[in-house]
Amino acid sequence: MILGTVLMFVCFSPALAQEDQQCTPTLDNLPECITHHSGDISNHGIYNSLLAKADAAIVAHDRGQINTAINILNAFINEVSAQSSKKITTEAANHMIMHAQAAIDDLQ
């Protein structure tokens, strides 16, 4: 992502039946994004796994372990992709993947 450019994406979860929200796709905001889409994830274990990966990526980043954070985010993307249209709605999966990829792009 180009420095100085802030991308805003609309987070929308029909299952949450709430107004559209704006979120900036950063690593620190990924847990909030997952929580926002909790109604779109039909398996609590998958929800917990995604939150754990997001938290682990943040911790790795905070320790200066950028490659580890990127690897964890790639594992997050793989898990979301595998569950898209199964245990995660396609729309929510696409948004969370976009969010994680934007975080990776910022770290590189």
PDB file of N, CA and C in Angstrom:
ATOM      1  N   MET A   1       0.844  -1.166   0.000  1.00  0.00           N
ATOM      2  CA  MET A   1       0.000   0.000   0.000  1.00  0.00           C
ATOM      3  C   MET A   1       0.893   1.233   0.000  1.00  0.00           C
ATOM      4  N   ILE A   2       0.520   2.240  -0.714  1.00  0.00           N
ATOM      5  CA  ILE A   2       1.277   3.474  -0.799  1.00  0.00           C
ATOM      6  C   ILE A   2       1.131   4.220   0.514  1.00  0.00           C
ATOM      7  N   LEU A   3       2.289   4.670   1.053  1.00  0.00           N
ATOM      8  CA  LEU A   3       2.248   5.412   2.303  1.00  0.00           C
ATOM      9  C   LEU A   3       1.447   6.686   2.119  1.00  0.00           C
ATOM     10  N   GLY A   4       0.738   7.060   3.137  1.00  0.00           N
ATOM     11  CA  GLY A   4      -0.061   8.266   3.085  1.00  0.00           C
ATOM     12  C   GLY A   4      -1.454   8.039   2.527  1.00  0.00           C
ATOM     13  N   THR A   5      -1.665   6.874   1.964  1.00  0.00           N
ATOM     14  CA  THR A   5      -2.981   6.555   1.428  1.00  0.00           C
ATOM     15  C   THR A   5      -3.711   5.697   2.440  1.00  0.00           C
ATOM     16  N   VAL A   6      -4.865   6.097   2.792  1.00  0.00           N
ATOM     17  CA  VAL A   6      -5.669   5.319   3.738  1.00  0.00           C
ATOM     18  C   VAL A   6      -6.839   4.746   2.971  1.00  0.00           C
ATOM     19  N   LEU A   7      -6.917   3.447   2.958  1.00  0.00           N
ATOM     20  CA  LEU A   7      -8.025   2.781   2.292  1.00  0.00           C
ATOM     21  C   LEU A   7      -9.114   2.499   3.306  1.00  0.00           C
ATOM     22  N   MET A   8     -10.311   2.853   2.946  1.00  0.00           N
ATOM     23  CA  MET A   8     -11.448   2.561   3.805  1.00  0.00           C
ATOM     24  C   MET A   8     -12.330   1.553   3.080  1.00  0.00           C
ATOM     25  N   PHE A   9     -12.690   0.508   3.755  1.00  0.00           N
ATOM     26  CA  PHE A   9     -13.552  -0.516   3.192  1.00  0.00           C
ATOM     27  C   PHE A   9     -14.792  -0.626   4.054  1.00  0.00           C
ATOM     28  N   VAL A  10     -15.894  -0.887   3.432  1.00  0.00           N
ATOM     29  CA  VAL A  10     -17.145  -1.037   4.161  1.00  0.00           C
ATOM     30  C   VAL A  10     -17.215  -2.456   4.696  1.00  0.00           C
ATOM     31  N   CYS A  11     -17.414  -2.557   5.979  1.00  0.00           N
ATOM     32  CA  CYS A  11     -17.620  -3.861   6.616  1.00  0.00           C
ATOM     33  C   CYS A  11     -19.128  -4.050   6.701  1.00  0.00           C
ATOM     34  N   PHE A  12     -19.639  -5.035   6.029  1.00  0.00           N
ATOM     35  CA  PHE A  12     -21.070  -5.257   6.093  1.00  0.00           C
ATOM     36  C   PHE A  12     -21.345  -6.715   6.373  1.00  0.00           C
ATOM     37  N   SER A  13     -22.123  -6.961   7.358  1.00  0.00           N
ATOM     38  CA  SER A  13     -22.515  -8.304   7.717  1.00  0.00           C
ATOM     39  C   SER A  13     -24.034  -8.362   7.799  1.00  0.00           C
ATOM     40  N   PRO A  14     -24.696  -8.946   6.781  1.00  0.00           N
ATOM     41  CA  PRO A  14     -26.156  -9.026   6.835  1.00  0.00           C
ATOM     42  C   PRO A  14     -26.639  -9.755   8.074  1.00  0.00           C
ATOM     43  N   ALA A  15     -25.872 -10.731   8.541  1.00  0.00           N
ATOM     44  CA  ALA A  15     -26.303 -11.514   9.702  1.00  0.00           C
ATOM     45  C   ALA A  15     -26.344 -10.668  10.970  1.00  0.00           C
ATOM     46  N   LEU A  16     -25.578  -9.593  11.017  1.00  0.00           N
ATOM     47  CA  LEU A  16     -25.569  -8.758  12.208  1.00  0.00           C
ATOM     48  C   LEU A  16     -26.697  -7.729  12.195  1.00  0.00           C
ATOM     49  N   ALA A  17     -27.335  -7.544  11.039  1.00  0.00           N
ATOM     50  CA  ALA A  17     -28.479  -6.635  10.905  1.00  0.00           C
ATOM     51  C   ALA A  17     -28.200  -5.287  11.551  1.00  0.00           C
ATOM     52  N   GLN A  18     -27.077  -4.702  11.185  1.00  0.00           N
ATOM     53  CA  GLN A  18     -26.743  -3.390  11.704  1.00  0.00           C
ATOM     54  C   GLN A  18     -26.310  -2.498  10.558  1.00  0.00           C
ATOM     55  N   GLU A  19     -26.127  -1.220  10.856  1.00  0.00           N
ATOM     56  CA  GLU A  19     -25.728  -0.278   9.826  1.00  0.00           C
ATOM     57  C   GLU A  19     -24.322  -0.603   9.333  1.00  0.00           C
ATOM     58  N   ASP A  20     -24.025  -0.168   8.097  1.00  0.00           N
ATOM     59  CA  ASP A  20     -22.682  -0.320   7.564  1.00  0.00           C
ATOM     60  C   ASP A  20     -21.693   0.367   8.502  1.00  0.00           C
ATOM     61  N   GLN A  21     -20.507  -0.208   8.587  1.00  0.00           N
ATOM     62  CA  GLN A  21     -19.454   0.374   9.399  1.00  0.00           C
ATOM     63  C   GLN A  21     -18.232   0.550   8.517  1.00  0.00           C
ATOM     64  N   GLN A  22     -17.413   1.521   8.838  1.00  0.00           N
ATOM     65  CA  GLN A  22     -16.157   1.729   8.140  1.00  0.00           C
ATOM     66  C   GLN A  22     -15.048   1.080   8.963  1.00  0.00           C
ATOM     67  N   CYS A  23     -14.120   0.435   8.277  1.00  0.00           N
ATOM     68  CA  CYS A  23     -12.967  -0.103   8.984  1.00  0.00           C
ATOM     69  C   CYS A  23     -11.740   0.065   8.103  1.00  0.00           C
ATOM     70  N   THR A  24     -10.631   0.321   8.728  1.00  0.00           N
ATOM     71  CA  THR A  24      -9.368   0.417   8.023  1.00  0.00           C
ATOM     72  C   THR A  24      -8.706  -0.947   8.116  1.00  0.00           C
ATOM     73  N   PRO A  25      -8.356  -1.555   6.982  1.00  0.00           N
ATOM     74  CA  PRO A  25      -7.797  -2.911   7.016  1.00  0.00           C
ATOM     75  C   PRO A  25      -6.337  -2.923   7.462  1.00  0.00           C
ATOM     76  N   THR A  26      -6.146  -2.913   8.770  1.00  0.00           N
ATOM     77  CA  THR A  26      -4.803  -2.997   9.338  1.00  0.00           C
ATOM     78  C   THR A  26      -4.711  -4.262  10.181  1.00  0.00           C
ATOM     79  N   LEU A  27      -3.496  -4.638  10.502  1.00  0.00           N
ATOM     80  CA  LEU A  27      -3.297  -5.810  11.351  1.00  0.00           C
ATOM     81  C   LEU A  27      -3.996  -5.624  12.693  1.00  0.00           C
ATOM     82  N   ASP A  28      -3.841  -4.462  13.301  1.00  0.00           N
ATOM     83  CA  ASP A  28      -4.449  -4.230  14.610  1.00  0.00           C
ATOM     84  C   ASP A  28      -5.973  -4.273  14.588  1.00  0.00           C
ATOM     85  N   ASN A  29      -6.583  -4.001  13.441  1.00  0.00           N
ATOM     86  CA  ASN A  29      -8.047  -4.014  13.328  1.00  0.00           C
ATOM     87  C   ASN A  29      -8.612  -5.370  12.908  1.00  0.00           C
ATOM     88  N   LEU A  30      -7.747  -6.334  12.589  1.00  0.00           N
ATOM     89  CA  LEU A  30      -8.235  -7.639  12.129  1.00  0.00           C
ATOM     90  C   LEU A  30      -9.120  -8.351  13.159  1.00  0.00           C
ATOM     91  N   PRO A  31      -8.766  -8.376  14.449  1.00  0.00           N
ATOM     92  CA  PRO A  31      -9.685  -9.024  15.405  1.00  0.00           C
ATOM     93  C   PRO A  31     -11.069  -8.383  15.427  1.00  0.00           C
ATOM     94  N   GLU A  32     -11.121  -7.057  15.293  1.00  0.00           N
ATOM     95  CA  GLU A  32     -12.405  -6.361  15.246  1.00  0.00           C
ATOM     96  C   GLU A  32     -13.196  -6.775  14.003  1.00  0.00           C
ATOM     97  N   CYS A  33     -12.506  -6.941  12.892  1.00  0.00           N
ATOM     98  CA  CYS A  33     -13.153  -7.371  11.648  1.00  0.00           C
ATOM     99  C   CYS A  33     -13.756  -8.771  11.822  1.00  0.00           C
ATOM    100  N   ILE A  34     -12.996  -9.667  12.437  1.00  0.00           N
ATOM    101  CA  ILE A  34     -13.479 -11.034  12.670  1.00  0.00           C
ATOM    102  C   ILE A  34     -14.717 -10.999  13.574  1.00  0.00           C
ATOM    103  N   THR A  35     -14.641 -10.223  14.636  1.00  0.00           N
ATOM    104  CA  THR A  35     -15.764 -10.105  15.560  1.00  0.00           C
ATOM    105  C   THR A  35     -16.982  -9.511  14.855  1.00  0.00           C
ATOM    106  N   HIS A  36     -16.744  -8.539  14.002  1.00  0.00           N
ATOM    107  CA  HIS A  36     -17.843  -7.935  13.240  1.00  0.00           C
ATOM    108  C   HIS A  36     -18.564  -8.990  12.397  1.00  0.00           C
ATOM    109  N   HIS A  37     -17.818  -9.946  11.884  1.00  0.00           N
ATOM    110  CA  HIS A  37     -18.390 -10.991  11.030  1.00  0.00           C
ATOM    111  C   HIS A  37     -18.740 -12.267  11.809  1.00  0.00           C
ATOM    112  N   SER A  38     -18.766 -12.194  13.123  1.00  0.00           N
ATOM    113  CA  SER A  38     -19.034 -13.401  13.916  1.00  0.00           C
ATOM    114  C   SER A  38     -20.360 -14.056  13.552  1.00  0.00           C
ATOM    115  N   GLY A  39     -21.342 -13.274  13.188  1.00  0.00           N
ATOM    116  CA  GLY A  39     -22.638 -13.827  12.791  1.00  0.00           C
ATOM    117  C   GLY A  39     -22.600 -14.534  11.451  1.00  0.00           C
ATOM    118  N   ASP A  40     -21.526 -14.326  10.702  1.00  0.00           N
ATOM    119  CA  ASP A  40     -21.352 -14.955   9.392  1.00  0.00           C
ATOM    120  C   ASP A  40     -20.494 -16.209   9.467  1.00  0.00           C
ATOM    121  N   ILE A  41     -20.038 -16.545  10.671  1.00  0.00           N
ATOM    122  CA  ILE A  41     -19.209 -17.737  10.899  1.00  0.00           C
ATOM    123  C   ILE A  41     -20.051 -18.700  11.722  1.00  0.00           C
ATOM    124  N   SER A  42     -20.396 -19.844  11.128  1.00  0.00           N
ATOM    125  CA  SER A  42     -21.365 -20.733  11.781  1.00  0.00           C
ATOM    126  C   SER A  42     -20.739 -21.723  12.762  1.00  0.00           C
ATOM    127  N   ASN A  43     -19.430 -21.716  12.894  1.00  0.00           N
ATOM    128  CA  ASN A  43     -18.754 -22.649  13.792  1.00  0.00           C
ATOM    129  C   ASN A  43     -17.909 -21.851  14.775  1.00  0.00           C
ATOM    130  N   HIS A  44     -18.196 -22.004  16.068  1.00  0.00           N
ATOM    131  CA  HIS A  44     -17.504 -21.235  17.093  1.00  0.00           C
ATOM    132  C   HIS A  44     -16.009 -21.578  17.141  1.00  0.00           C
ATOM    133  N   GLY A  45     -15.655 -22.821  16.862  1.00  0.00           N
ATOM    134  CA  GLY A  45     -14.247 -23.223  16.856  1.00  0.00           C
ATOM    135  C   GLY A  45     -13.461 -22.499  15.772  1.00  0.00           C
ATOM    136  N   ILE A  46     -14.062 -22.325  14.608  1.00  0.00           N
ATOM    137  CA  ILE A  46     -13.408 -21.597  13.520  1.00  0.00           C
ATOM    138  C   ILE A  46     -13.263 -20.130  13.908  1.00  0.00           C
ATOM    139  N   TYR A  47     -14.295 -19.574  14.475  1.00  0.00           N
ATOM    140  CA  TYR A  47     -14.232 -18.186  14.953  1.00  0.00           C
ATOM    141  C   TYR A  47     -13.069 -18.014  15.927  1.00  0.00           C
ATOM    142  N   ASN A  48     -12.969 -18.898  16.909  1.00  0.00           N
ATOM    143  CA  ASN A  48     -11.879 -18.824  17.894  1.00  0.00           C
ATOM    144  C   ASN A  48     -10.516 -18.993  17.238  1.00  0.00           C
ATOM    145  N   SER A  49     -10.421 -19.902  16.273  1.00  0.00           N
ATOM    146  CA  SER A  49      -9.170 -20.130  15.569  1.00  0.00           C
ATOM    147  C   SER A  49      -8.725 -18.886  14.805  1.00  0.00           C
ATOM    148  N   LEU A  50      -9.669 -18.227  14.143  1.00  0.00           N
ATOM    149  CA  LEU A  50      -9.331 -17.020  13.392  1.00  0.00           C
ATOM    150  C   LEU A  50      -8.889 -15.901  14.327  1.00  0.00           C
ATOM    151  N   LEU A  51      -9.583 -15.738  15.448  1.00  0.00           N
ATOM    152  CA  LEU A  51      -9.170 -14.733  16.428  1.00  0.00           C
ATOM    153  C   LEU A  51      -7.784 -15.033  16.983  1.00  0.00           C
ATOM    154  N   ALA A  52      -7.509 -16.309  17.249  1.00  0.00           N
ATOM    155  CA  ALA A  52      -6.196 -16.696  17.777  1.00  0.00           C
ATOM    156  C   ALA A  52      -5.092 -16.383  16.765  1.00  0.00           C
ATOM    157  N   LYS A  53      -5.345 -16.638  15.497  1.00  0.00           N
ATOM    158  CA  LYS A  53      -4.349 -16.335  14.465  1.00  0.00           C
ATOM    159  C   LYS A  53      -4.123 -14.825  14.373  1.00  0.00           C
ATOM    160  N   ALA A  54      -5.194 -14.053  14.389  1.00  0.00           N
ATOM    161  CA  ALA A  54      -5.050 -12.594  14.326  1.00  0.00           C
ATOM    162  C   ALA A  54      -4.254 -12.083  15.523  1.00  0.00           C
ATOM    163  N   ASP A  55      -4.580 -12.576  16.704  1.00  0.00           N
ATOM    164  CA  ASP A  55      -3.861 -12.158  17.910  1.00  0.00           C
ATOM    165  C   ASP A  55      -2.393 -12.575  17.848  1.00  0.00           C
ATOM    166  N   ALA A  56      -2.121 -13.779  17.360  1.00  0.00           N
ATOM    167  CA  ALA A  56      -0.735 -14.256  17.250  1.00  0.00           C
ATOM    168  C   ALA A  56       0.057 -13.421  16.247  1.00  0.00           C
ATOM    169  N   ALA A  57      -0.581 -13.020  15.162  1.00  0.00           N
ATOM    170  CA  ALA A  57       0.097 -12.178  14.171  1.00  0.00           C
ATOM    171  C   ALA A  57       0.436 -10.814  14.774  1.00  0.00           C
ATOM    172  N   ILE A  58      -0.472 -10.268  15.563  1.00  0.00           N
ATOM    173  CA  ILE A  58      -0.215  -8.985  16.225  1.00  0.00           C
ATOM    174  C   ILE A  58       0.954  -9.104  17.193  1.00  0.00           C
ATOM    175  N   VAL A  59       0.966 -10.169  17.988  1.00  0.00           N
ATOM    176  CA  VAL A  59       2.048 -10.381  18.945  1.00  0.00           C
ATOM    177  C   VAL A  59       3.384 -10.532  18.217  1.00  0.00           C
ATOM    178  N   ALA A  60       3.397 -11.317  17.143  1.00  0.00           N
ATOM    179  CA  ALA A  60       4.628 -11.497  16.369  1.00  0.00           C
ATOM    180  C   ALA A  60       5.106 -10.153  15.818  1.00  0.00           C
ATOM    181  N   HIS A  61       4.188  -9.380  15.277  1.00  0.00           N
ATOM    182  CA  HIS A  61       4.541  -8.051  14.753  1.00  0.00           C
ATOM    183  C   HIS A  61       5.118  -7.168  15.850  1.00  0.00           C
ATOM    184  N   ASP A  62       4.467  -7.157  17.006  1.00  0.00           N
ATOM    185  CA  ASP A  62       4.914  -6.322  18.119  1.00  0.00           C
ATOM    186  C   ASP A  62       6.303  -6.729  18.608  1.00  0.00           C
ATOM    187  N   ARG A  63       6.680  -7.976  18.401  1.00  0.00           N
ATOM    188  CA  ARG A  63       8.017  -8.469  18.769  1.00  0.00           C
ATOM    189  C   ARG A  63       9.037  -8.258  17.660  1.00  0.00           C
ATOM    190  N   GLY A  64       8.592  -7.670  16.551  1.00  0.00           N
ATOM    191  CA  GLY A  64       9.494  -7.437  15.432  1.00  0.00           C
ATOM    192  C   GLY A  64       9.667  -8.637  14.522  1.00  0.00           C
ATOM    193  N   GLN A  65       8.836  -9.650  14.699  1.00  0.00           N
ATOM    194  CA  GLN A  65       8.913 -10.878  13.901  1.00  0.00           C
ATOM    195  C   GLN A  65       7.962 -10.750  12.705  1.00  0.00           C
ATOM    196  N   ILE A  66       8.379  -9.934  11.751  1.00  0.00           N
ATOM    197  CA  ILE A  66       7.511  -9.598  10.621  1.00  0.00           C
ATOM    198  C   ILE A  66       7.211 -10.819   9.757  1.00  0.00           C
ATOM    199  N   ASN A  67       8.241 -11.632   9.450  1.00  0.00           N
ATOM    200  CA  ASN A  67       8.004 -12.823   8.622  1.00  0.00           C
ATOM    201  C   ASN A  67       7.052 -13.796   9.304  1.00  0.00           C
ATOM    202  N   THR A  68       7.178 -13.930  10.609  1.00  0.00           N
ATOM    203  CA  THR A  68       6.265 -14.798  11.355  1.00  0.00           C
ATOM    204  C   THR A  68       4.841 -14.255  11.279  1.00  0.00           C
ATOM    205  N   ALA A  69       4.685 -12.948  11.447  1.00  0.00           N
ATOM    206  CA  ALA A  69       3.356 -12.340  11.357  1.00  0.00           C
ATOM    207  C   ALA A  69       2.746 -12.585   9.977  1.00  0.00           C
ATOM    208  N   ILE A  70       3.558 -12.440   8.927  1.00  0.00           N
ATOM    209  CA  ILE A  70       3.065 -12.673   7.566  1.00  0.00           C
ATOM    210  C   ILE A  70       2.676 -14.137   7.383  1.00  0.00           C
ATOM    211  N   ASN A  71       3.484 -15.050   7.903  1.00  0.00           N
ATOM    212  CA  ASN A  71       3.153 -16.473   7.790  1.00  0.00           C
ATOM    213  C   ASN A  71       1.841 -16.794   8.501  1.00  0.00           C
ATOM    214  N   ILE A  72       1.633 -16.200   9.656  1.00  0.00           N
ATOM    215  CA  ILE A  72       0.381 -16.428  10.398  1.00  0.00           C
ATOM    216  C   ILE A  72      -0.800 -15.859   9.619  1.00  0.00           C
ATOM    217  N   LEU A  73      -0.626 -14.689   9.034  1.00  0.00           N
ATOM    218  CA  LEU A  73      -1.705 -14.102   8.238  1.00  0.00           C
ATOM    219  C   LEU A  73      -2.008 -14.942   7.003  1.00  0.00           C
ATOM    220  N   ASN A  74      -0.985 -15.539   6.400  1.00  0.00           N
ATOM    221  CA  ASN A  74      -1.225 -16.440   5.265  1.00  0.00           C
ATOM    222  C   ASN A  74      -1.989 -17.679   5.718  1.00  0.00           C
ATOM    223  N   ALA A  75      -1.682 -18.193   6.909  1.00  0.00           N
ATOM    224  CA  ALA A  75      -2.439 -19.324   7.454  1.00  0.00           C
ATOM    225  C   ALA A  75      -3.889 -18.915   7.712  1.00  0.00           C
ATOM    226  N   PHE A  76      -4.087 -17.687   8.179  1.00  0.00           N
ATOM    227  CA  PHE A  76      -5.433 -17.143   8.380  1.00  0.00           C
ATOM    228  C   PHE A  76      -6.200 -17.128   7.059  1.00  0.00           C
ATOM    229  N   ILE A  77      -5.558 -16.612   6.015  1.00  0.00           N
ATOM    230  CA  ILE A  77      -6.187 -16.556   4.690  1.00  0.00           C
ATOM    231  C   ILE A  77      -6.536 -17.957   4.203  1.00  0.00           C
ATOM    232  N   ASN A  78      -5.632 -18.908   4.392  1.00  0.00           N
ATOM    233  CA  ASN A  78      -5.888 -20.291   3.968  1.00  0.00           C
ATOM    234  C   ASN A  78      -7.084 -20.885   4.701  1.00  0.00           C
ATOM    235  N   GLU A  79      -7.181 -20.633   5.998  1.00  0.00           N
ATOM    236  CA  GLU A  79      -8.311 -21.164   6.768  1.00  0.00           C
ATOM    237  C   GLU A  79      -9.624 -20.537   6.318  1.00  0.00           C
ATOM    238  N   VAL A  80      -9.619 -19.225   6.146  1.00  0.00           N
ATOM    239  CA  VAL A  80     -10.838 -18.547   5.697  1.00  0.00           C
ATOM    240  C   VAL A  80     -11.235 -19.049   4.311  1.00  0.00           C
ATOM    241  N   SER A  81     -10.262 -19.171   3.418  1.00  0.00           N
ATOM    242  CA  SER A  81     -10.549 -19.667   2.062  1.00  0.00           C
ATOM    243  C   SER A  81     -11.157 -21.059   2.096  1.00  0.00           C
ATOM    244  N   ALA A  82     -10.626 -21.915   2.945  1.00  0.00           N
ATOM    245  CA  ALA A  82     -11.118 -23.290   3.039  1.00  0.00           C
ATOM    246  C   ALA A  82     -12.550 -23.349   3.561  1.00  0.00           C
ATOM    247  N   GLN A  83     -12.941 -22.371   4.382  1.00  0.00           N
ATOM    248  CA  GLN A  83     -14.278 -22.386   4.982  1.00  0.00           C
ATOM    249  C   GLN A  83     -15.278 -21.479   4.260  1.00  0.00           C
ATOM    250  N   SER A  84     -14.811 -20.767   3.241  1.00  0.00           N
ATOM    251  CA  SER A  84     -15.692 -19.877   2.496  1.00  0.00           C
ATOM    252  C   SER A  84     -16.832 -20.660   1.856  1.00  0.00           C
ATOM    253  N   SER A  85     -18.021 -20.205   2.062  1.00  0.00           N
ATOM    254  CA  SER A  85     -19.287 -20.802   1.593  1.00  0.00           C
ATOM    255  C   SER A  85     -19.585 -22.128   2.276  1.00  0.00           C
ATOM    256  N   LYS A  86     -18.815 -22.477   3.285  1.00  0.00           N
ATOM    257  CA  LYS A  86     -19.111 -23.674   4.088  1.00  0.00           C
ATOM    258  C   LYS A  86     -19.515 -23.210   5.483  1.00  0.00           C
ATOM    259  N   LYS A  87     -18.546 -22.849   6.291  1.00  0.00           N
ATOM    260  CA  LYS A  87     -18.809 -22.377   7.655  1.00  0.00           C
ATOM    261  C   LYS A  87     -18.700 -20.864   7.778  1.00  0.00           C
ATOM    262  N   ILE A  88     -18.262 -20.181   6.698  1.00  0.00           N
ATOM    263  CA  ILE A  88     -18.170 -18.720   6.652  1.00  0.00           C
ATOM    264  C   ILE A  88     -18.869 -18.273   5.375  1.00  0.00           C
ATOM    265  N   THR A  89     -19.737 -17.281   5.475  1.00  0.00           N
ATOM    266  CA  THR A  89     -20.395 -16.802   4.260  1.00  0.00           C
ATOM    267  C   THR A  89     -19.345 -16.275   3.283  1.00  0.00           C
ATOM    268  N   THR A  90     -19.656 -16.379   2.018  1.00  0.00           N
ATOM    269  CA  THR A  90     -18.718 -15.947   0.975  1.00  0.00           C
ATOM    270  C   THR A  90     -18.365 -14.475   1.130  1.00  0.00           C
ATOM    271  N   GLU A  91     -19.350 -13.647   1.400  1.00  0.00           N
ATOM    272  CA  GLU A  91     -19.112 -12.211   1.533  1.00  0.00           C
ATOM    273  C   GLU A  91     -18.173 -11.911   2.694  1.00  0.00           C
ATOM    274  N   ALA A  92     -18.414 -12.529   3.840  1.00  0.00           N
ATOM    275  CA  ALA A  92     -17.559 -12.311   5.007  1.00  0.00           C
ATOM    276  C   ALA A  92     -16.160 -12.849   4.748  1.00  0.00           C
ATOM    277  N   ALA A  93     -16.068 -14.013   4.125  1.00  0.00           N
ATOM    278  CA  ALA A  93     -14.759 -14.596   3.819  1.00  0.00           C
ATOM    279  C   ALA A  93     -13.964 -13.674   2.905  1.00  0.00           C
ATOM    280  N   ASN A  94     -14.625 -13.166   1.870  1.00  0.00           N
ATOM    281  CA  ASN A  94     -13.940 -12.260   0.946  1.00  0.00           C
ATOM    282  C   ASN A  94     -13.427 -11.020   1.664  1.00  0.00           C
ATOM    283  N   HIS A  95     -14.246 -10.482   2.558  1.00  0.00           N
ATOM    284  CA  HIS A  95     -13.828  -9.282   3.284  1.00  0.00           C
ATOM    285  C   HIS A  95     -12.660  -9.576   4.218  1.00  0.00           C
ATOM    286  N   MET A  96     -12.731 -10.666   4.971  1.00  0.00           N
ATOM    287  CA  MET A  96     -11.646 -10.979   5.901  1.00  0.00           C
ATOM    288  C   MET A  96     -10.346 -11.289   5.158  1.00  0.00           C
ATOM    289  N   ILE A  97     -10.447 -11.952   4.008  1.00  0.00           N
ATOM    290  CA  ILE A  97      -9.259 -12.222   3.198  1.00  0.00           C
ATOM    291  C   ILE A  97      -8.661 -10.909   2.700  1.00  0.00           C
ATOM    292  N   MET A  98      -9.498 -10.005   2.205  1.00  0.00           N
ATOM    293  CA  MET A  98      -9.017  -8.700   1.756  1.00  0.00           C
ATOM    294  C   MET A  98      -8.328  -7.966   2.899  1.00  0.00           C
ATOM    295  N   HIS A  99      -8.906  -8.022   4.068  1.00  0.00           N
ATOM    296  CA  HIS A  99      -8.359  -7.340   5.242  1.00  0.00           C
ATOM    297  C   HIS A  99      -6.989  -7.914   5.599  1.00  0.00           C
ATOM    298  N   ALA A 100      -6.880  -9.231   5.658  1.00  0.00           N
ATOM    299  CA  ALA A 100      -5.606  -9.874   5.986  1.00  0.00           C
ATOM    300  C   ALA A 100      -4.553  -9.595   4.920  1.00  0.00           C
ATOM    301  N   GLN A 101      -4.961  -9.617   3.647  1.00  0.00           N
ATOM    302  CA  GLN A 101      -4.000  -9.342   2.570  1.00  0.00           C
ATOM    303  C   GLN A 101      -3.504  -7.898   2.650  1.00  0.00           C
ATOM    304  N   ALA A 102      -4.385  -6.968   2.978  1.00  0.00           N
ATOM    305  CA  ALA A 102      -3.971  -5.573   3.139  1.00  0.00           C
ATOM    306  C   ALA A 102      -2.975  -5.439   4.290  1.00  0.00           C
ATOM    307  N   ALA A 103      -3.195  -6.196   5.364  1.00  0.00           N
ATOM    308  CA  ALA A 103      -2.252  -6.186   6.491  1.00  0.00           C
ATOM    309  C   ALA A 103      -0.894  -6.731   6.053  1.00  0.00           C
ATOM    310  N   ILE A 104      -0.904  -7.815   5.265  1.00  0.00           N
ATOM    311  CA  ILE A 104       0.353  -8.370   4.742  1.00  0.00           C
ATOM    312  C   ILE A 104       1.057  -7.334   3.880  1.00  0.00           C
ATOM    313  N   ASP A 105       0.315  -6.695   2.994  1.00  0.00           N
ATOM    314  CA  ASP A 105       0.903  -5.691   2.108  1.00  0.00           C
ATOM    315  C   ASP A 105       1.555  -4.563   2.915  1.00  0.00           C
ATOM    316  N   ASP A 106       0.929  -4.173   4.014  1.00  0.00           N
ATOM    317  CA  ASP A 106       1.498  -3.124   4.872  1.00  0.00           C
ATOM    318  C   ASP A 106       2.787  -3.575   5.552  1.00  0.00           C
ATOM    319  N   LEU A 107       2.883  -4.866   5.854  1.00  0.00           N
ATOM    320  CA  LEU A 107       4.059  -5.384   6.553  1.00  0.00           C
ATOM    321  C   LEU A 107       5.257  -5.582   5.629  1.00  0.00           C
ATOM    322  N   GLN A 108       4.999  -5.705   4.342  1.00  0.00           N
ATOM    323  CA  GLN A 108       6.097  -5.988   3.397  1.00  0.00           C
ATOM    324  C   GLN A 108       6.810  -4.732   2.973  1.00  0.00           C
TER     325      GLN A 108
END
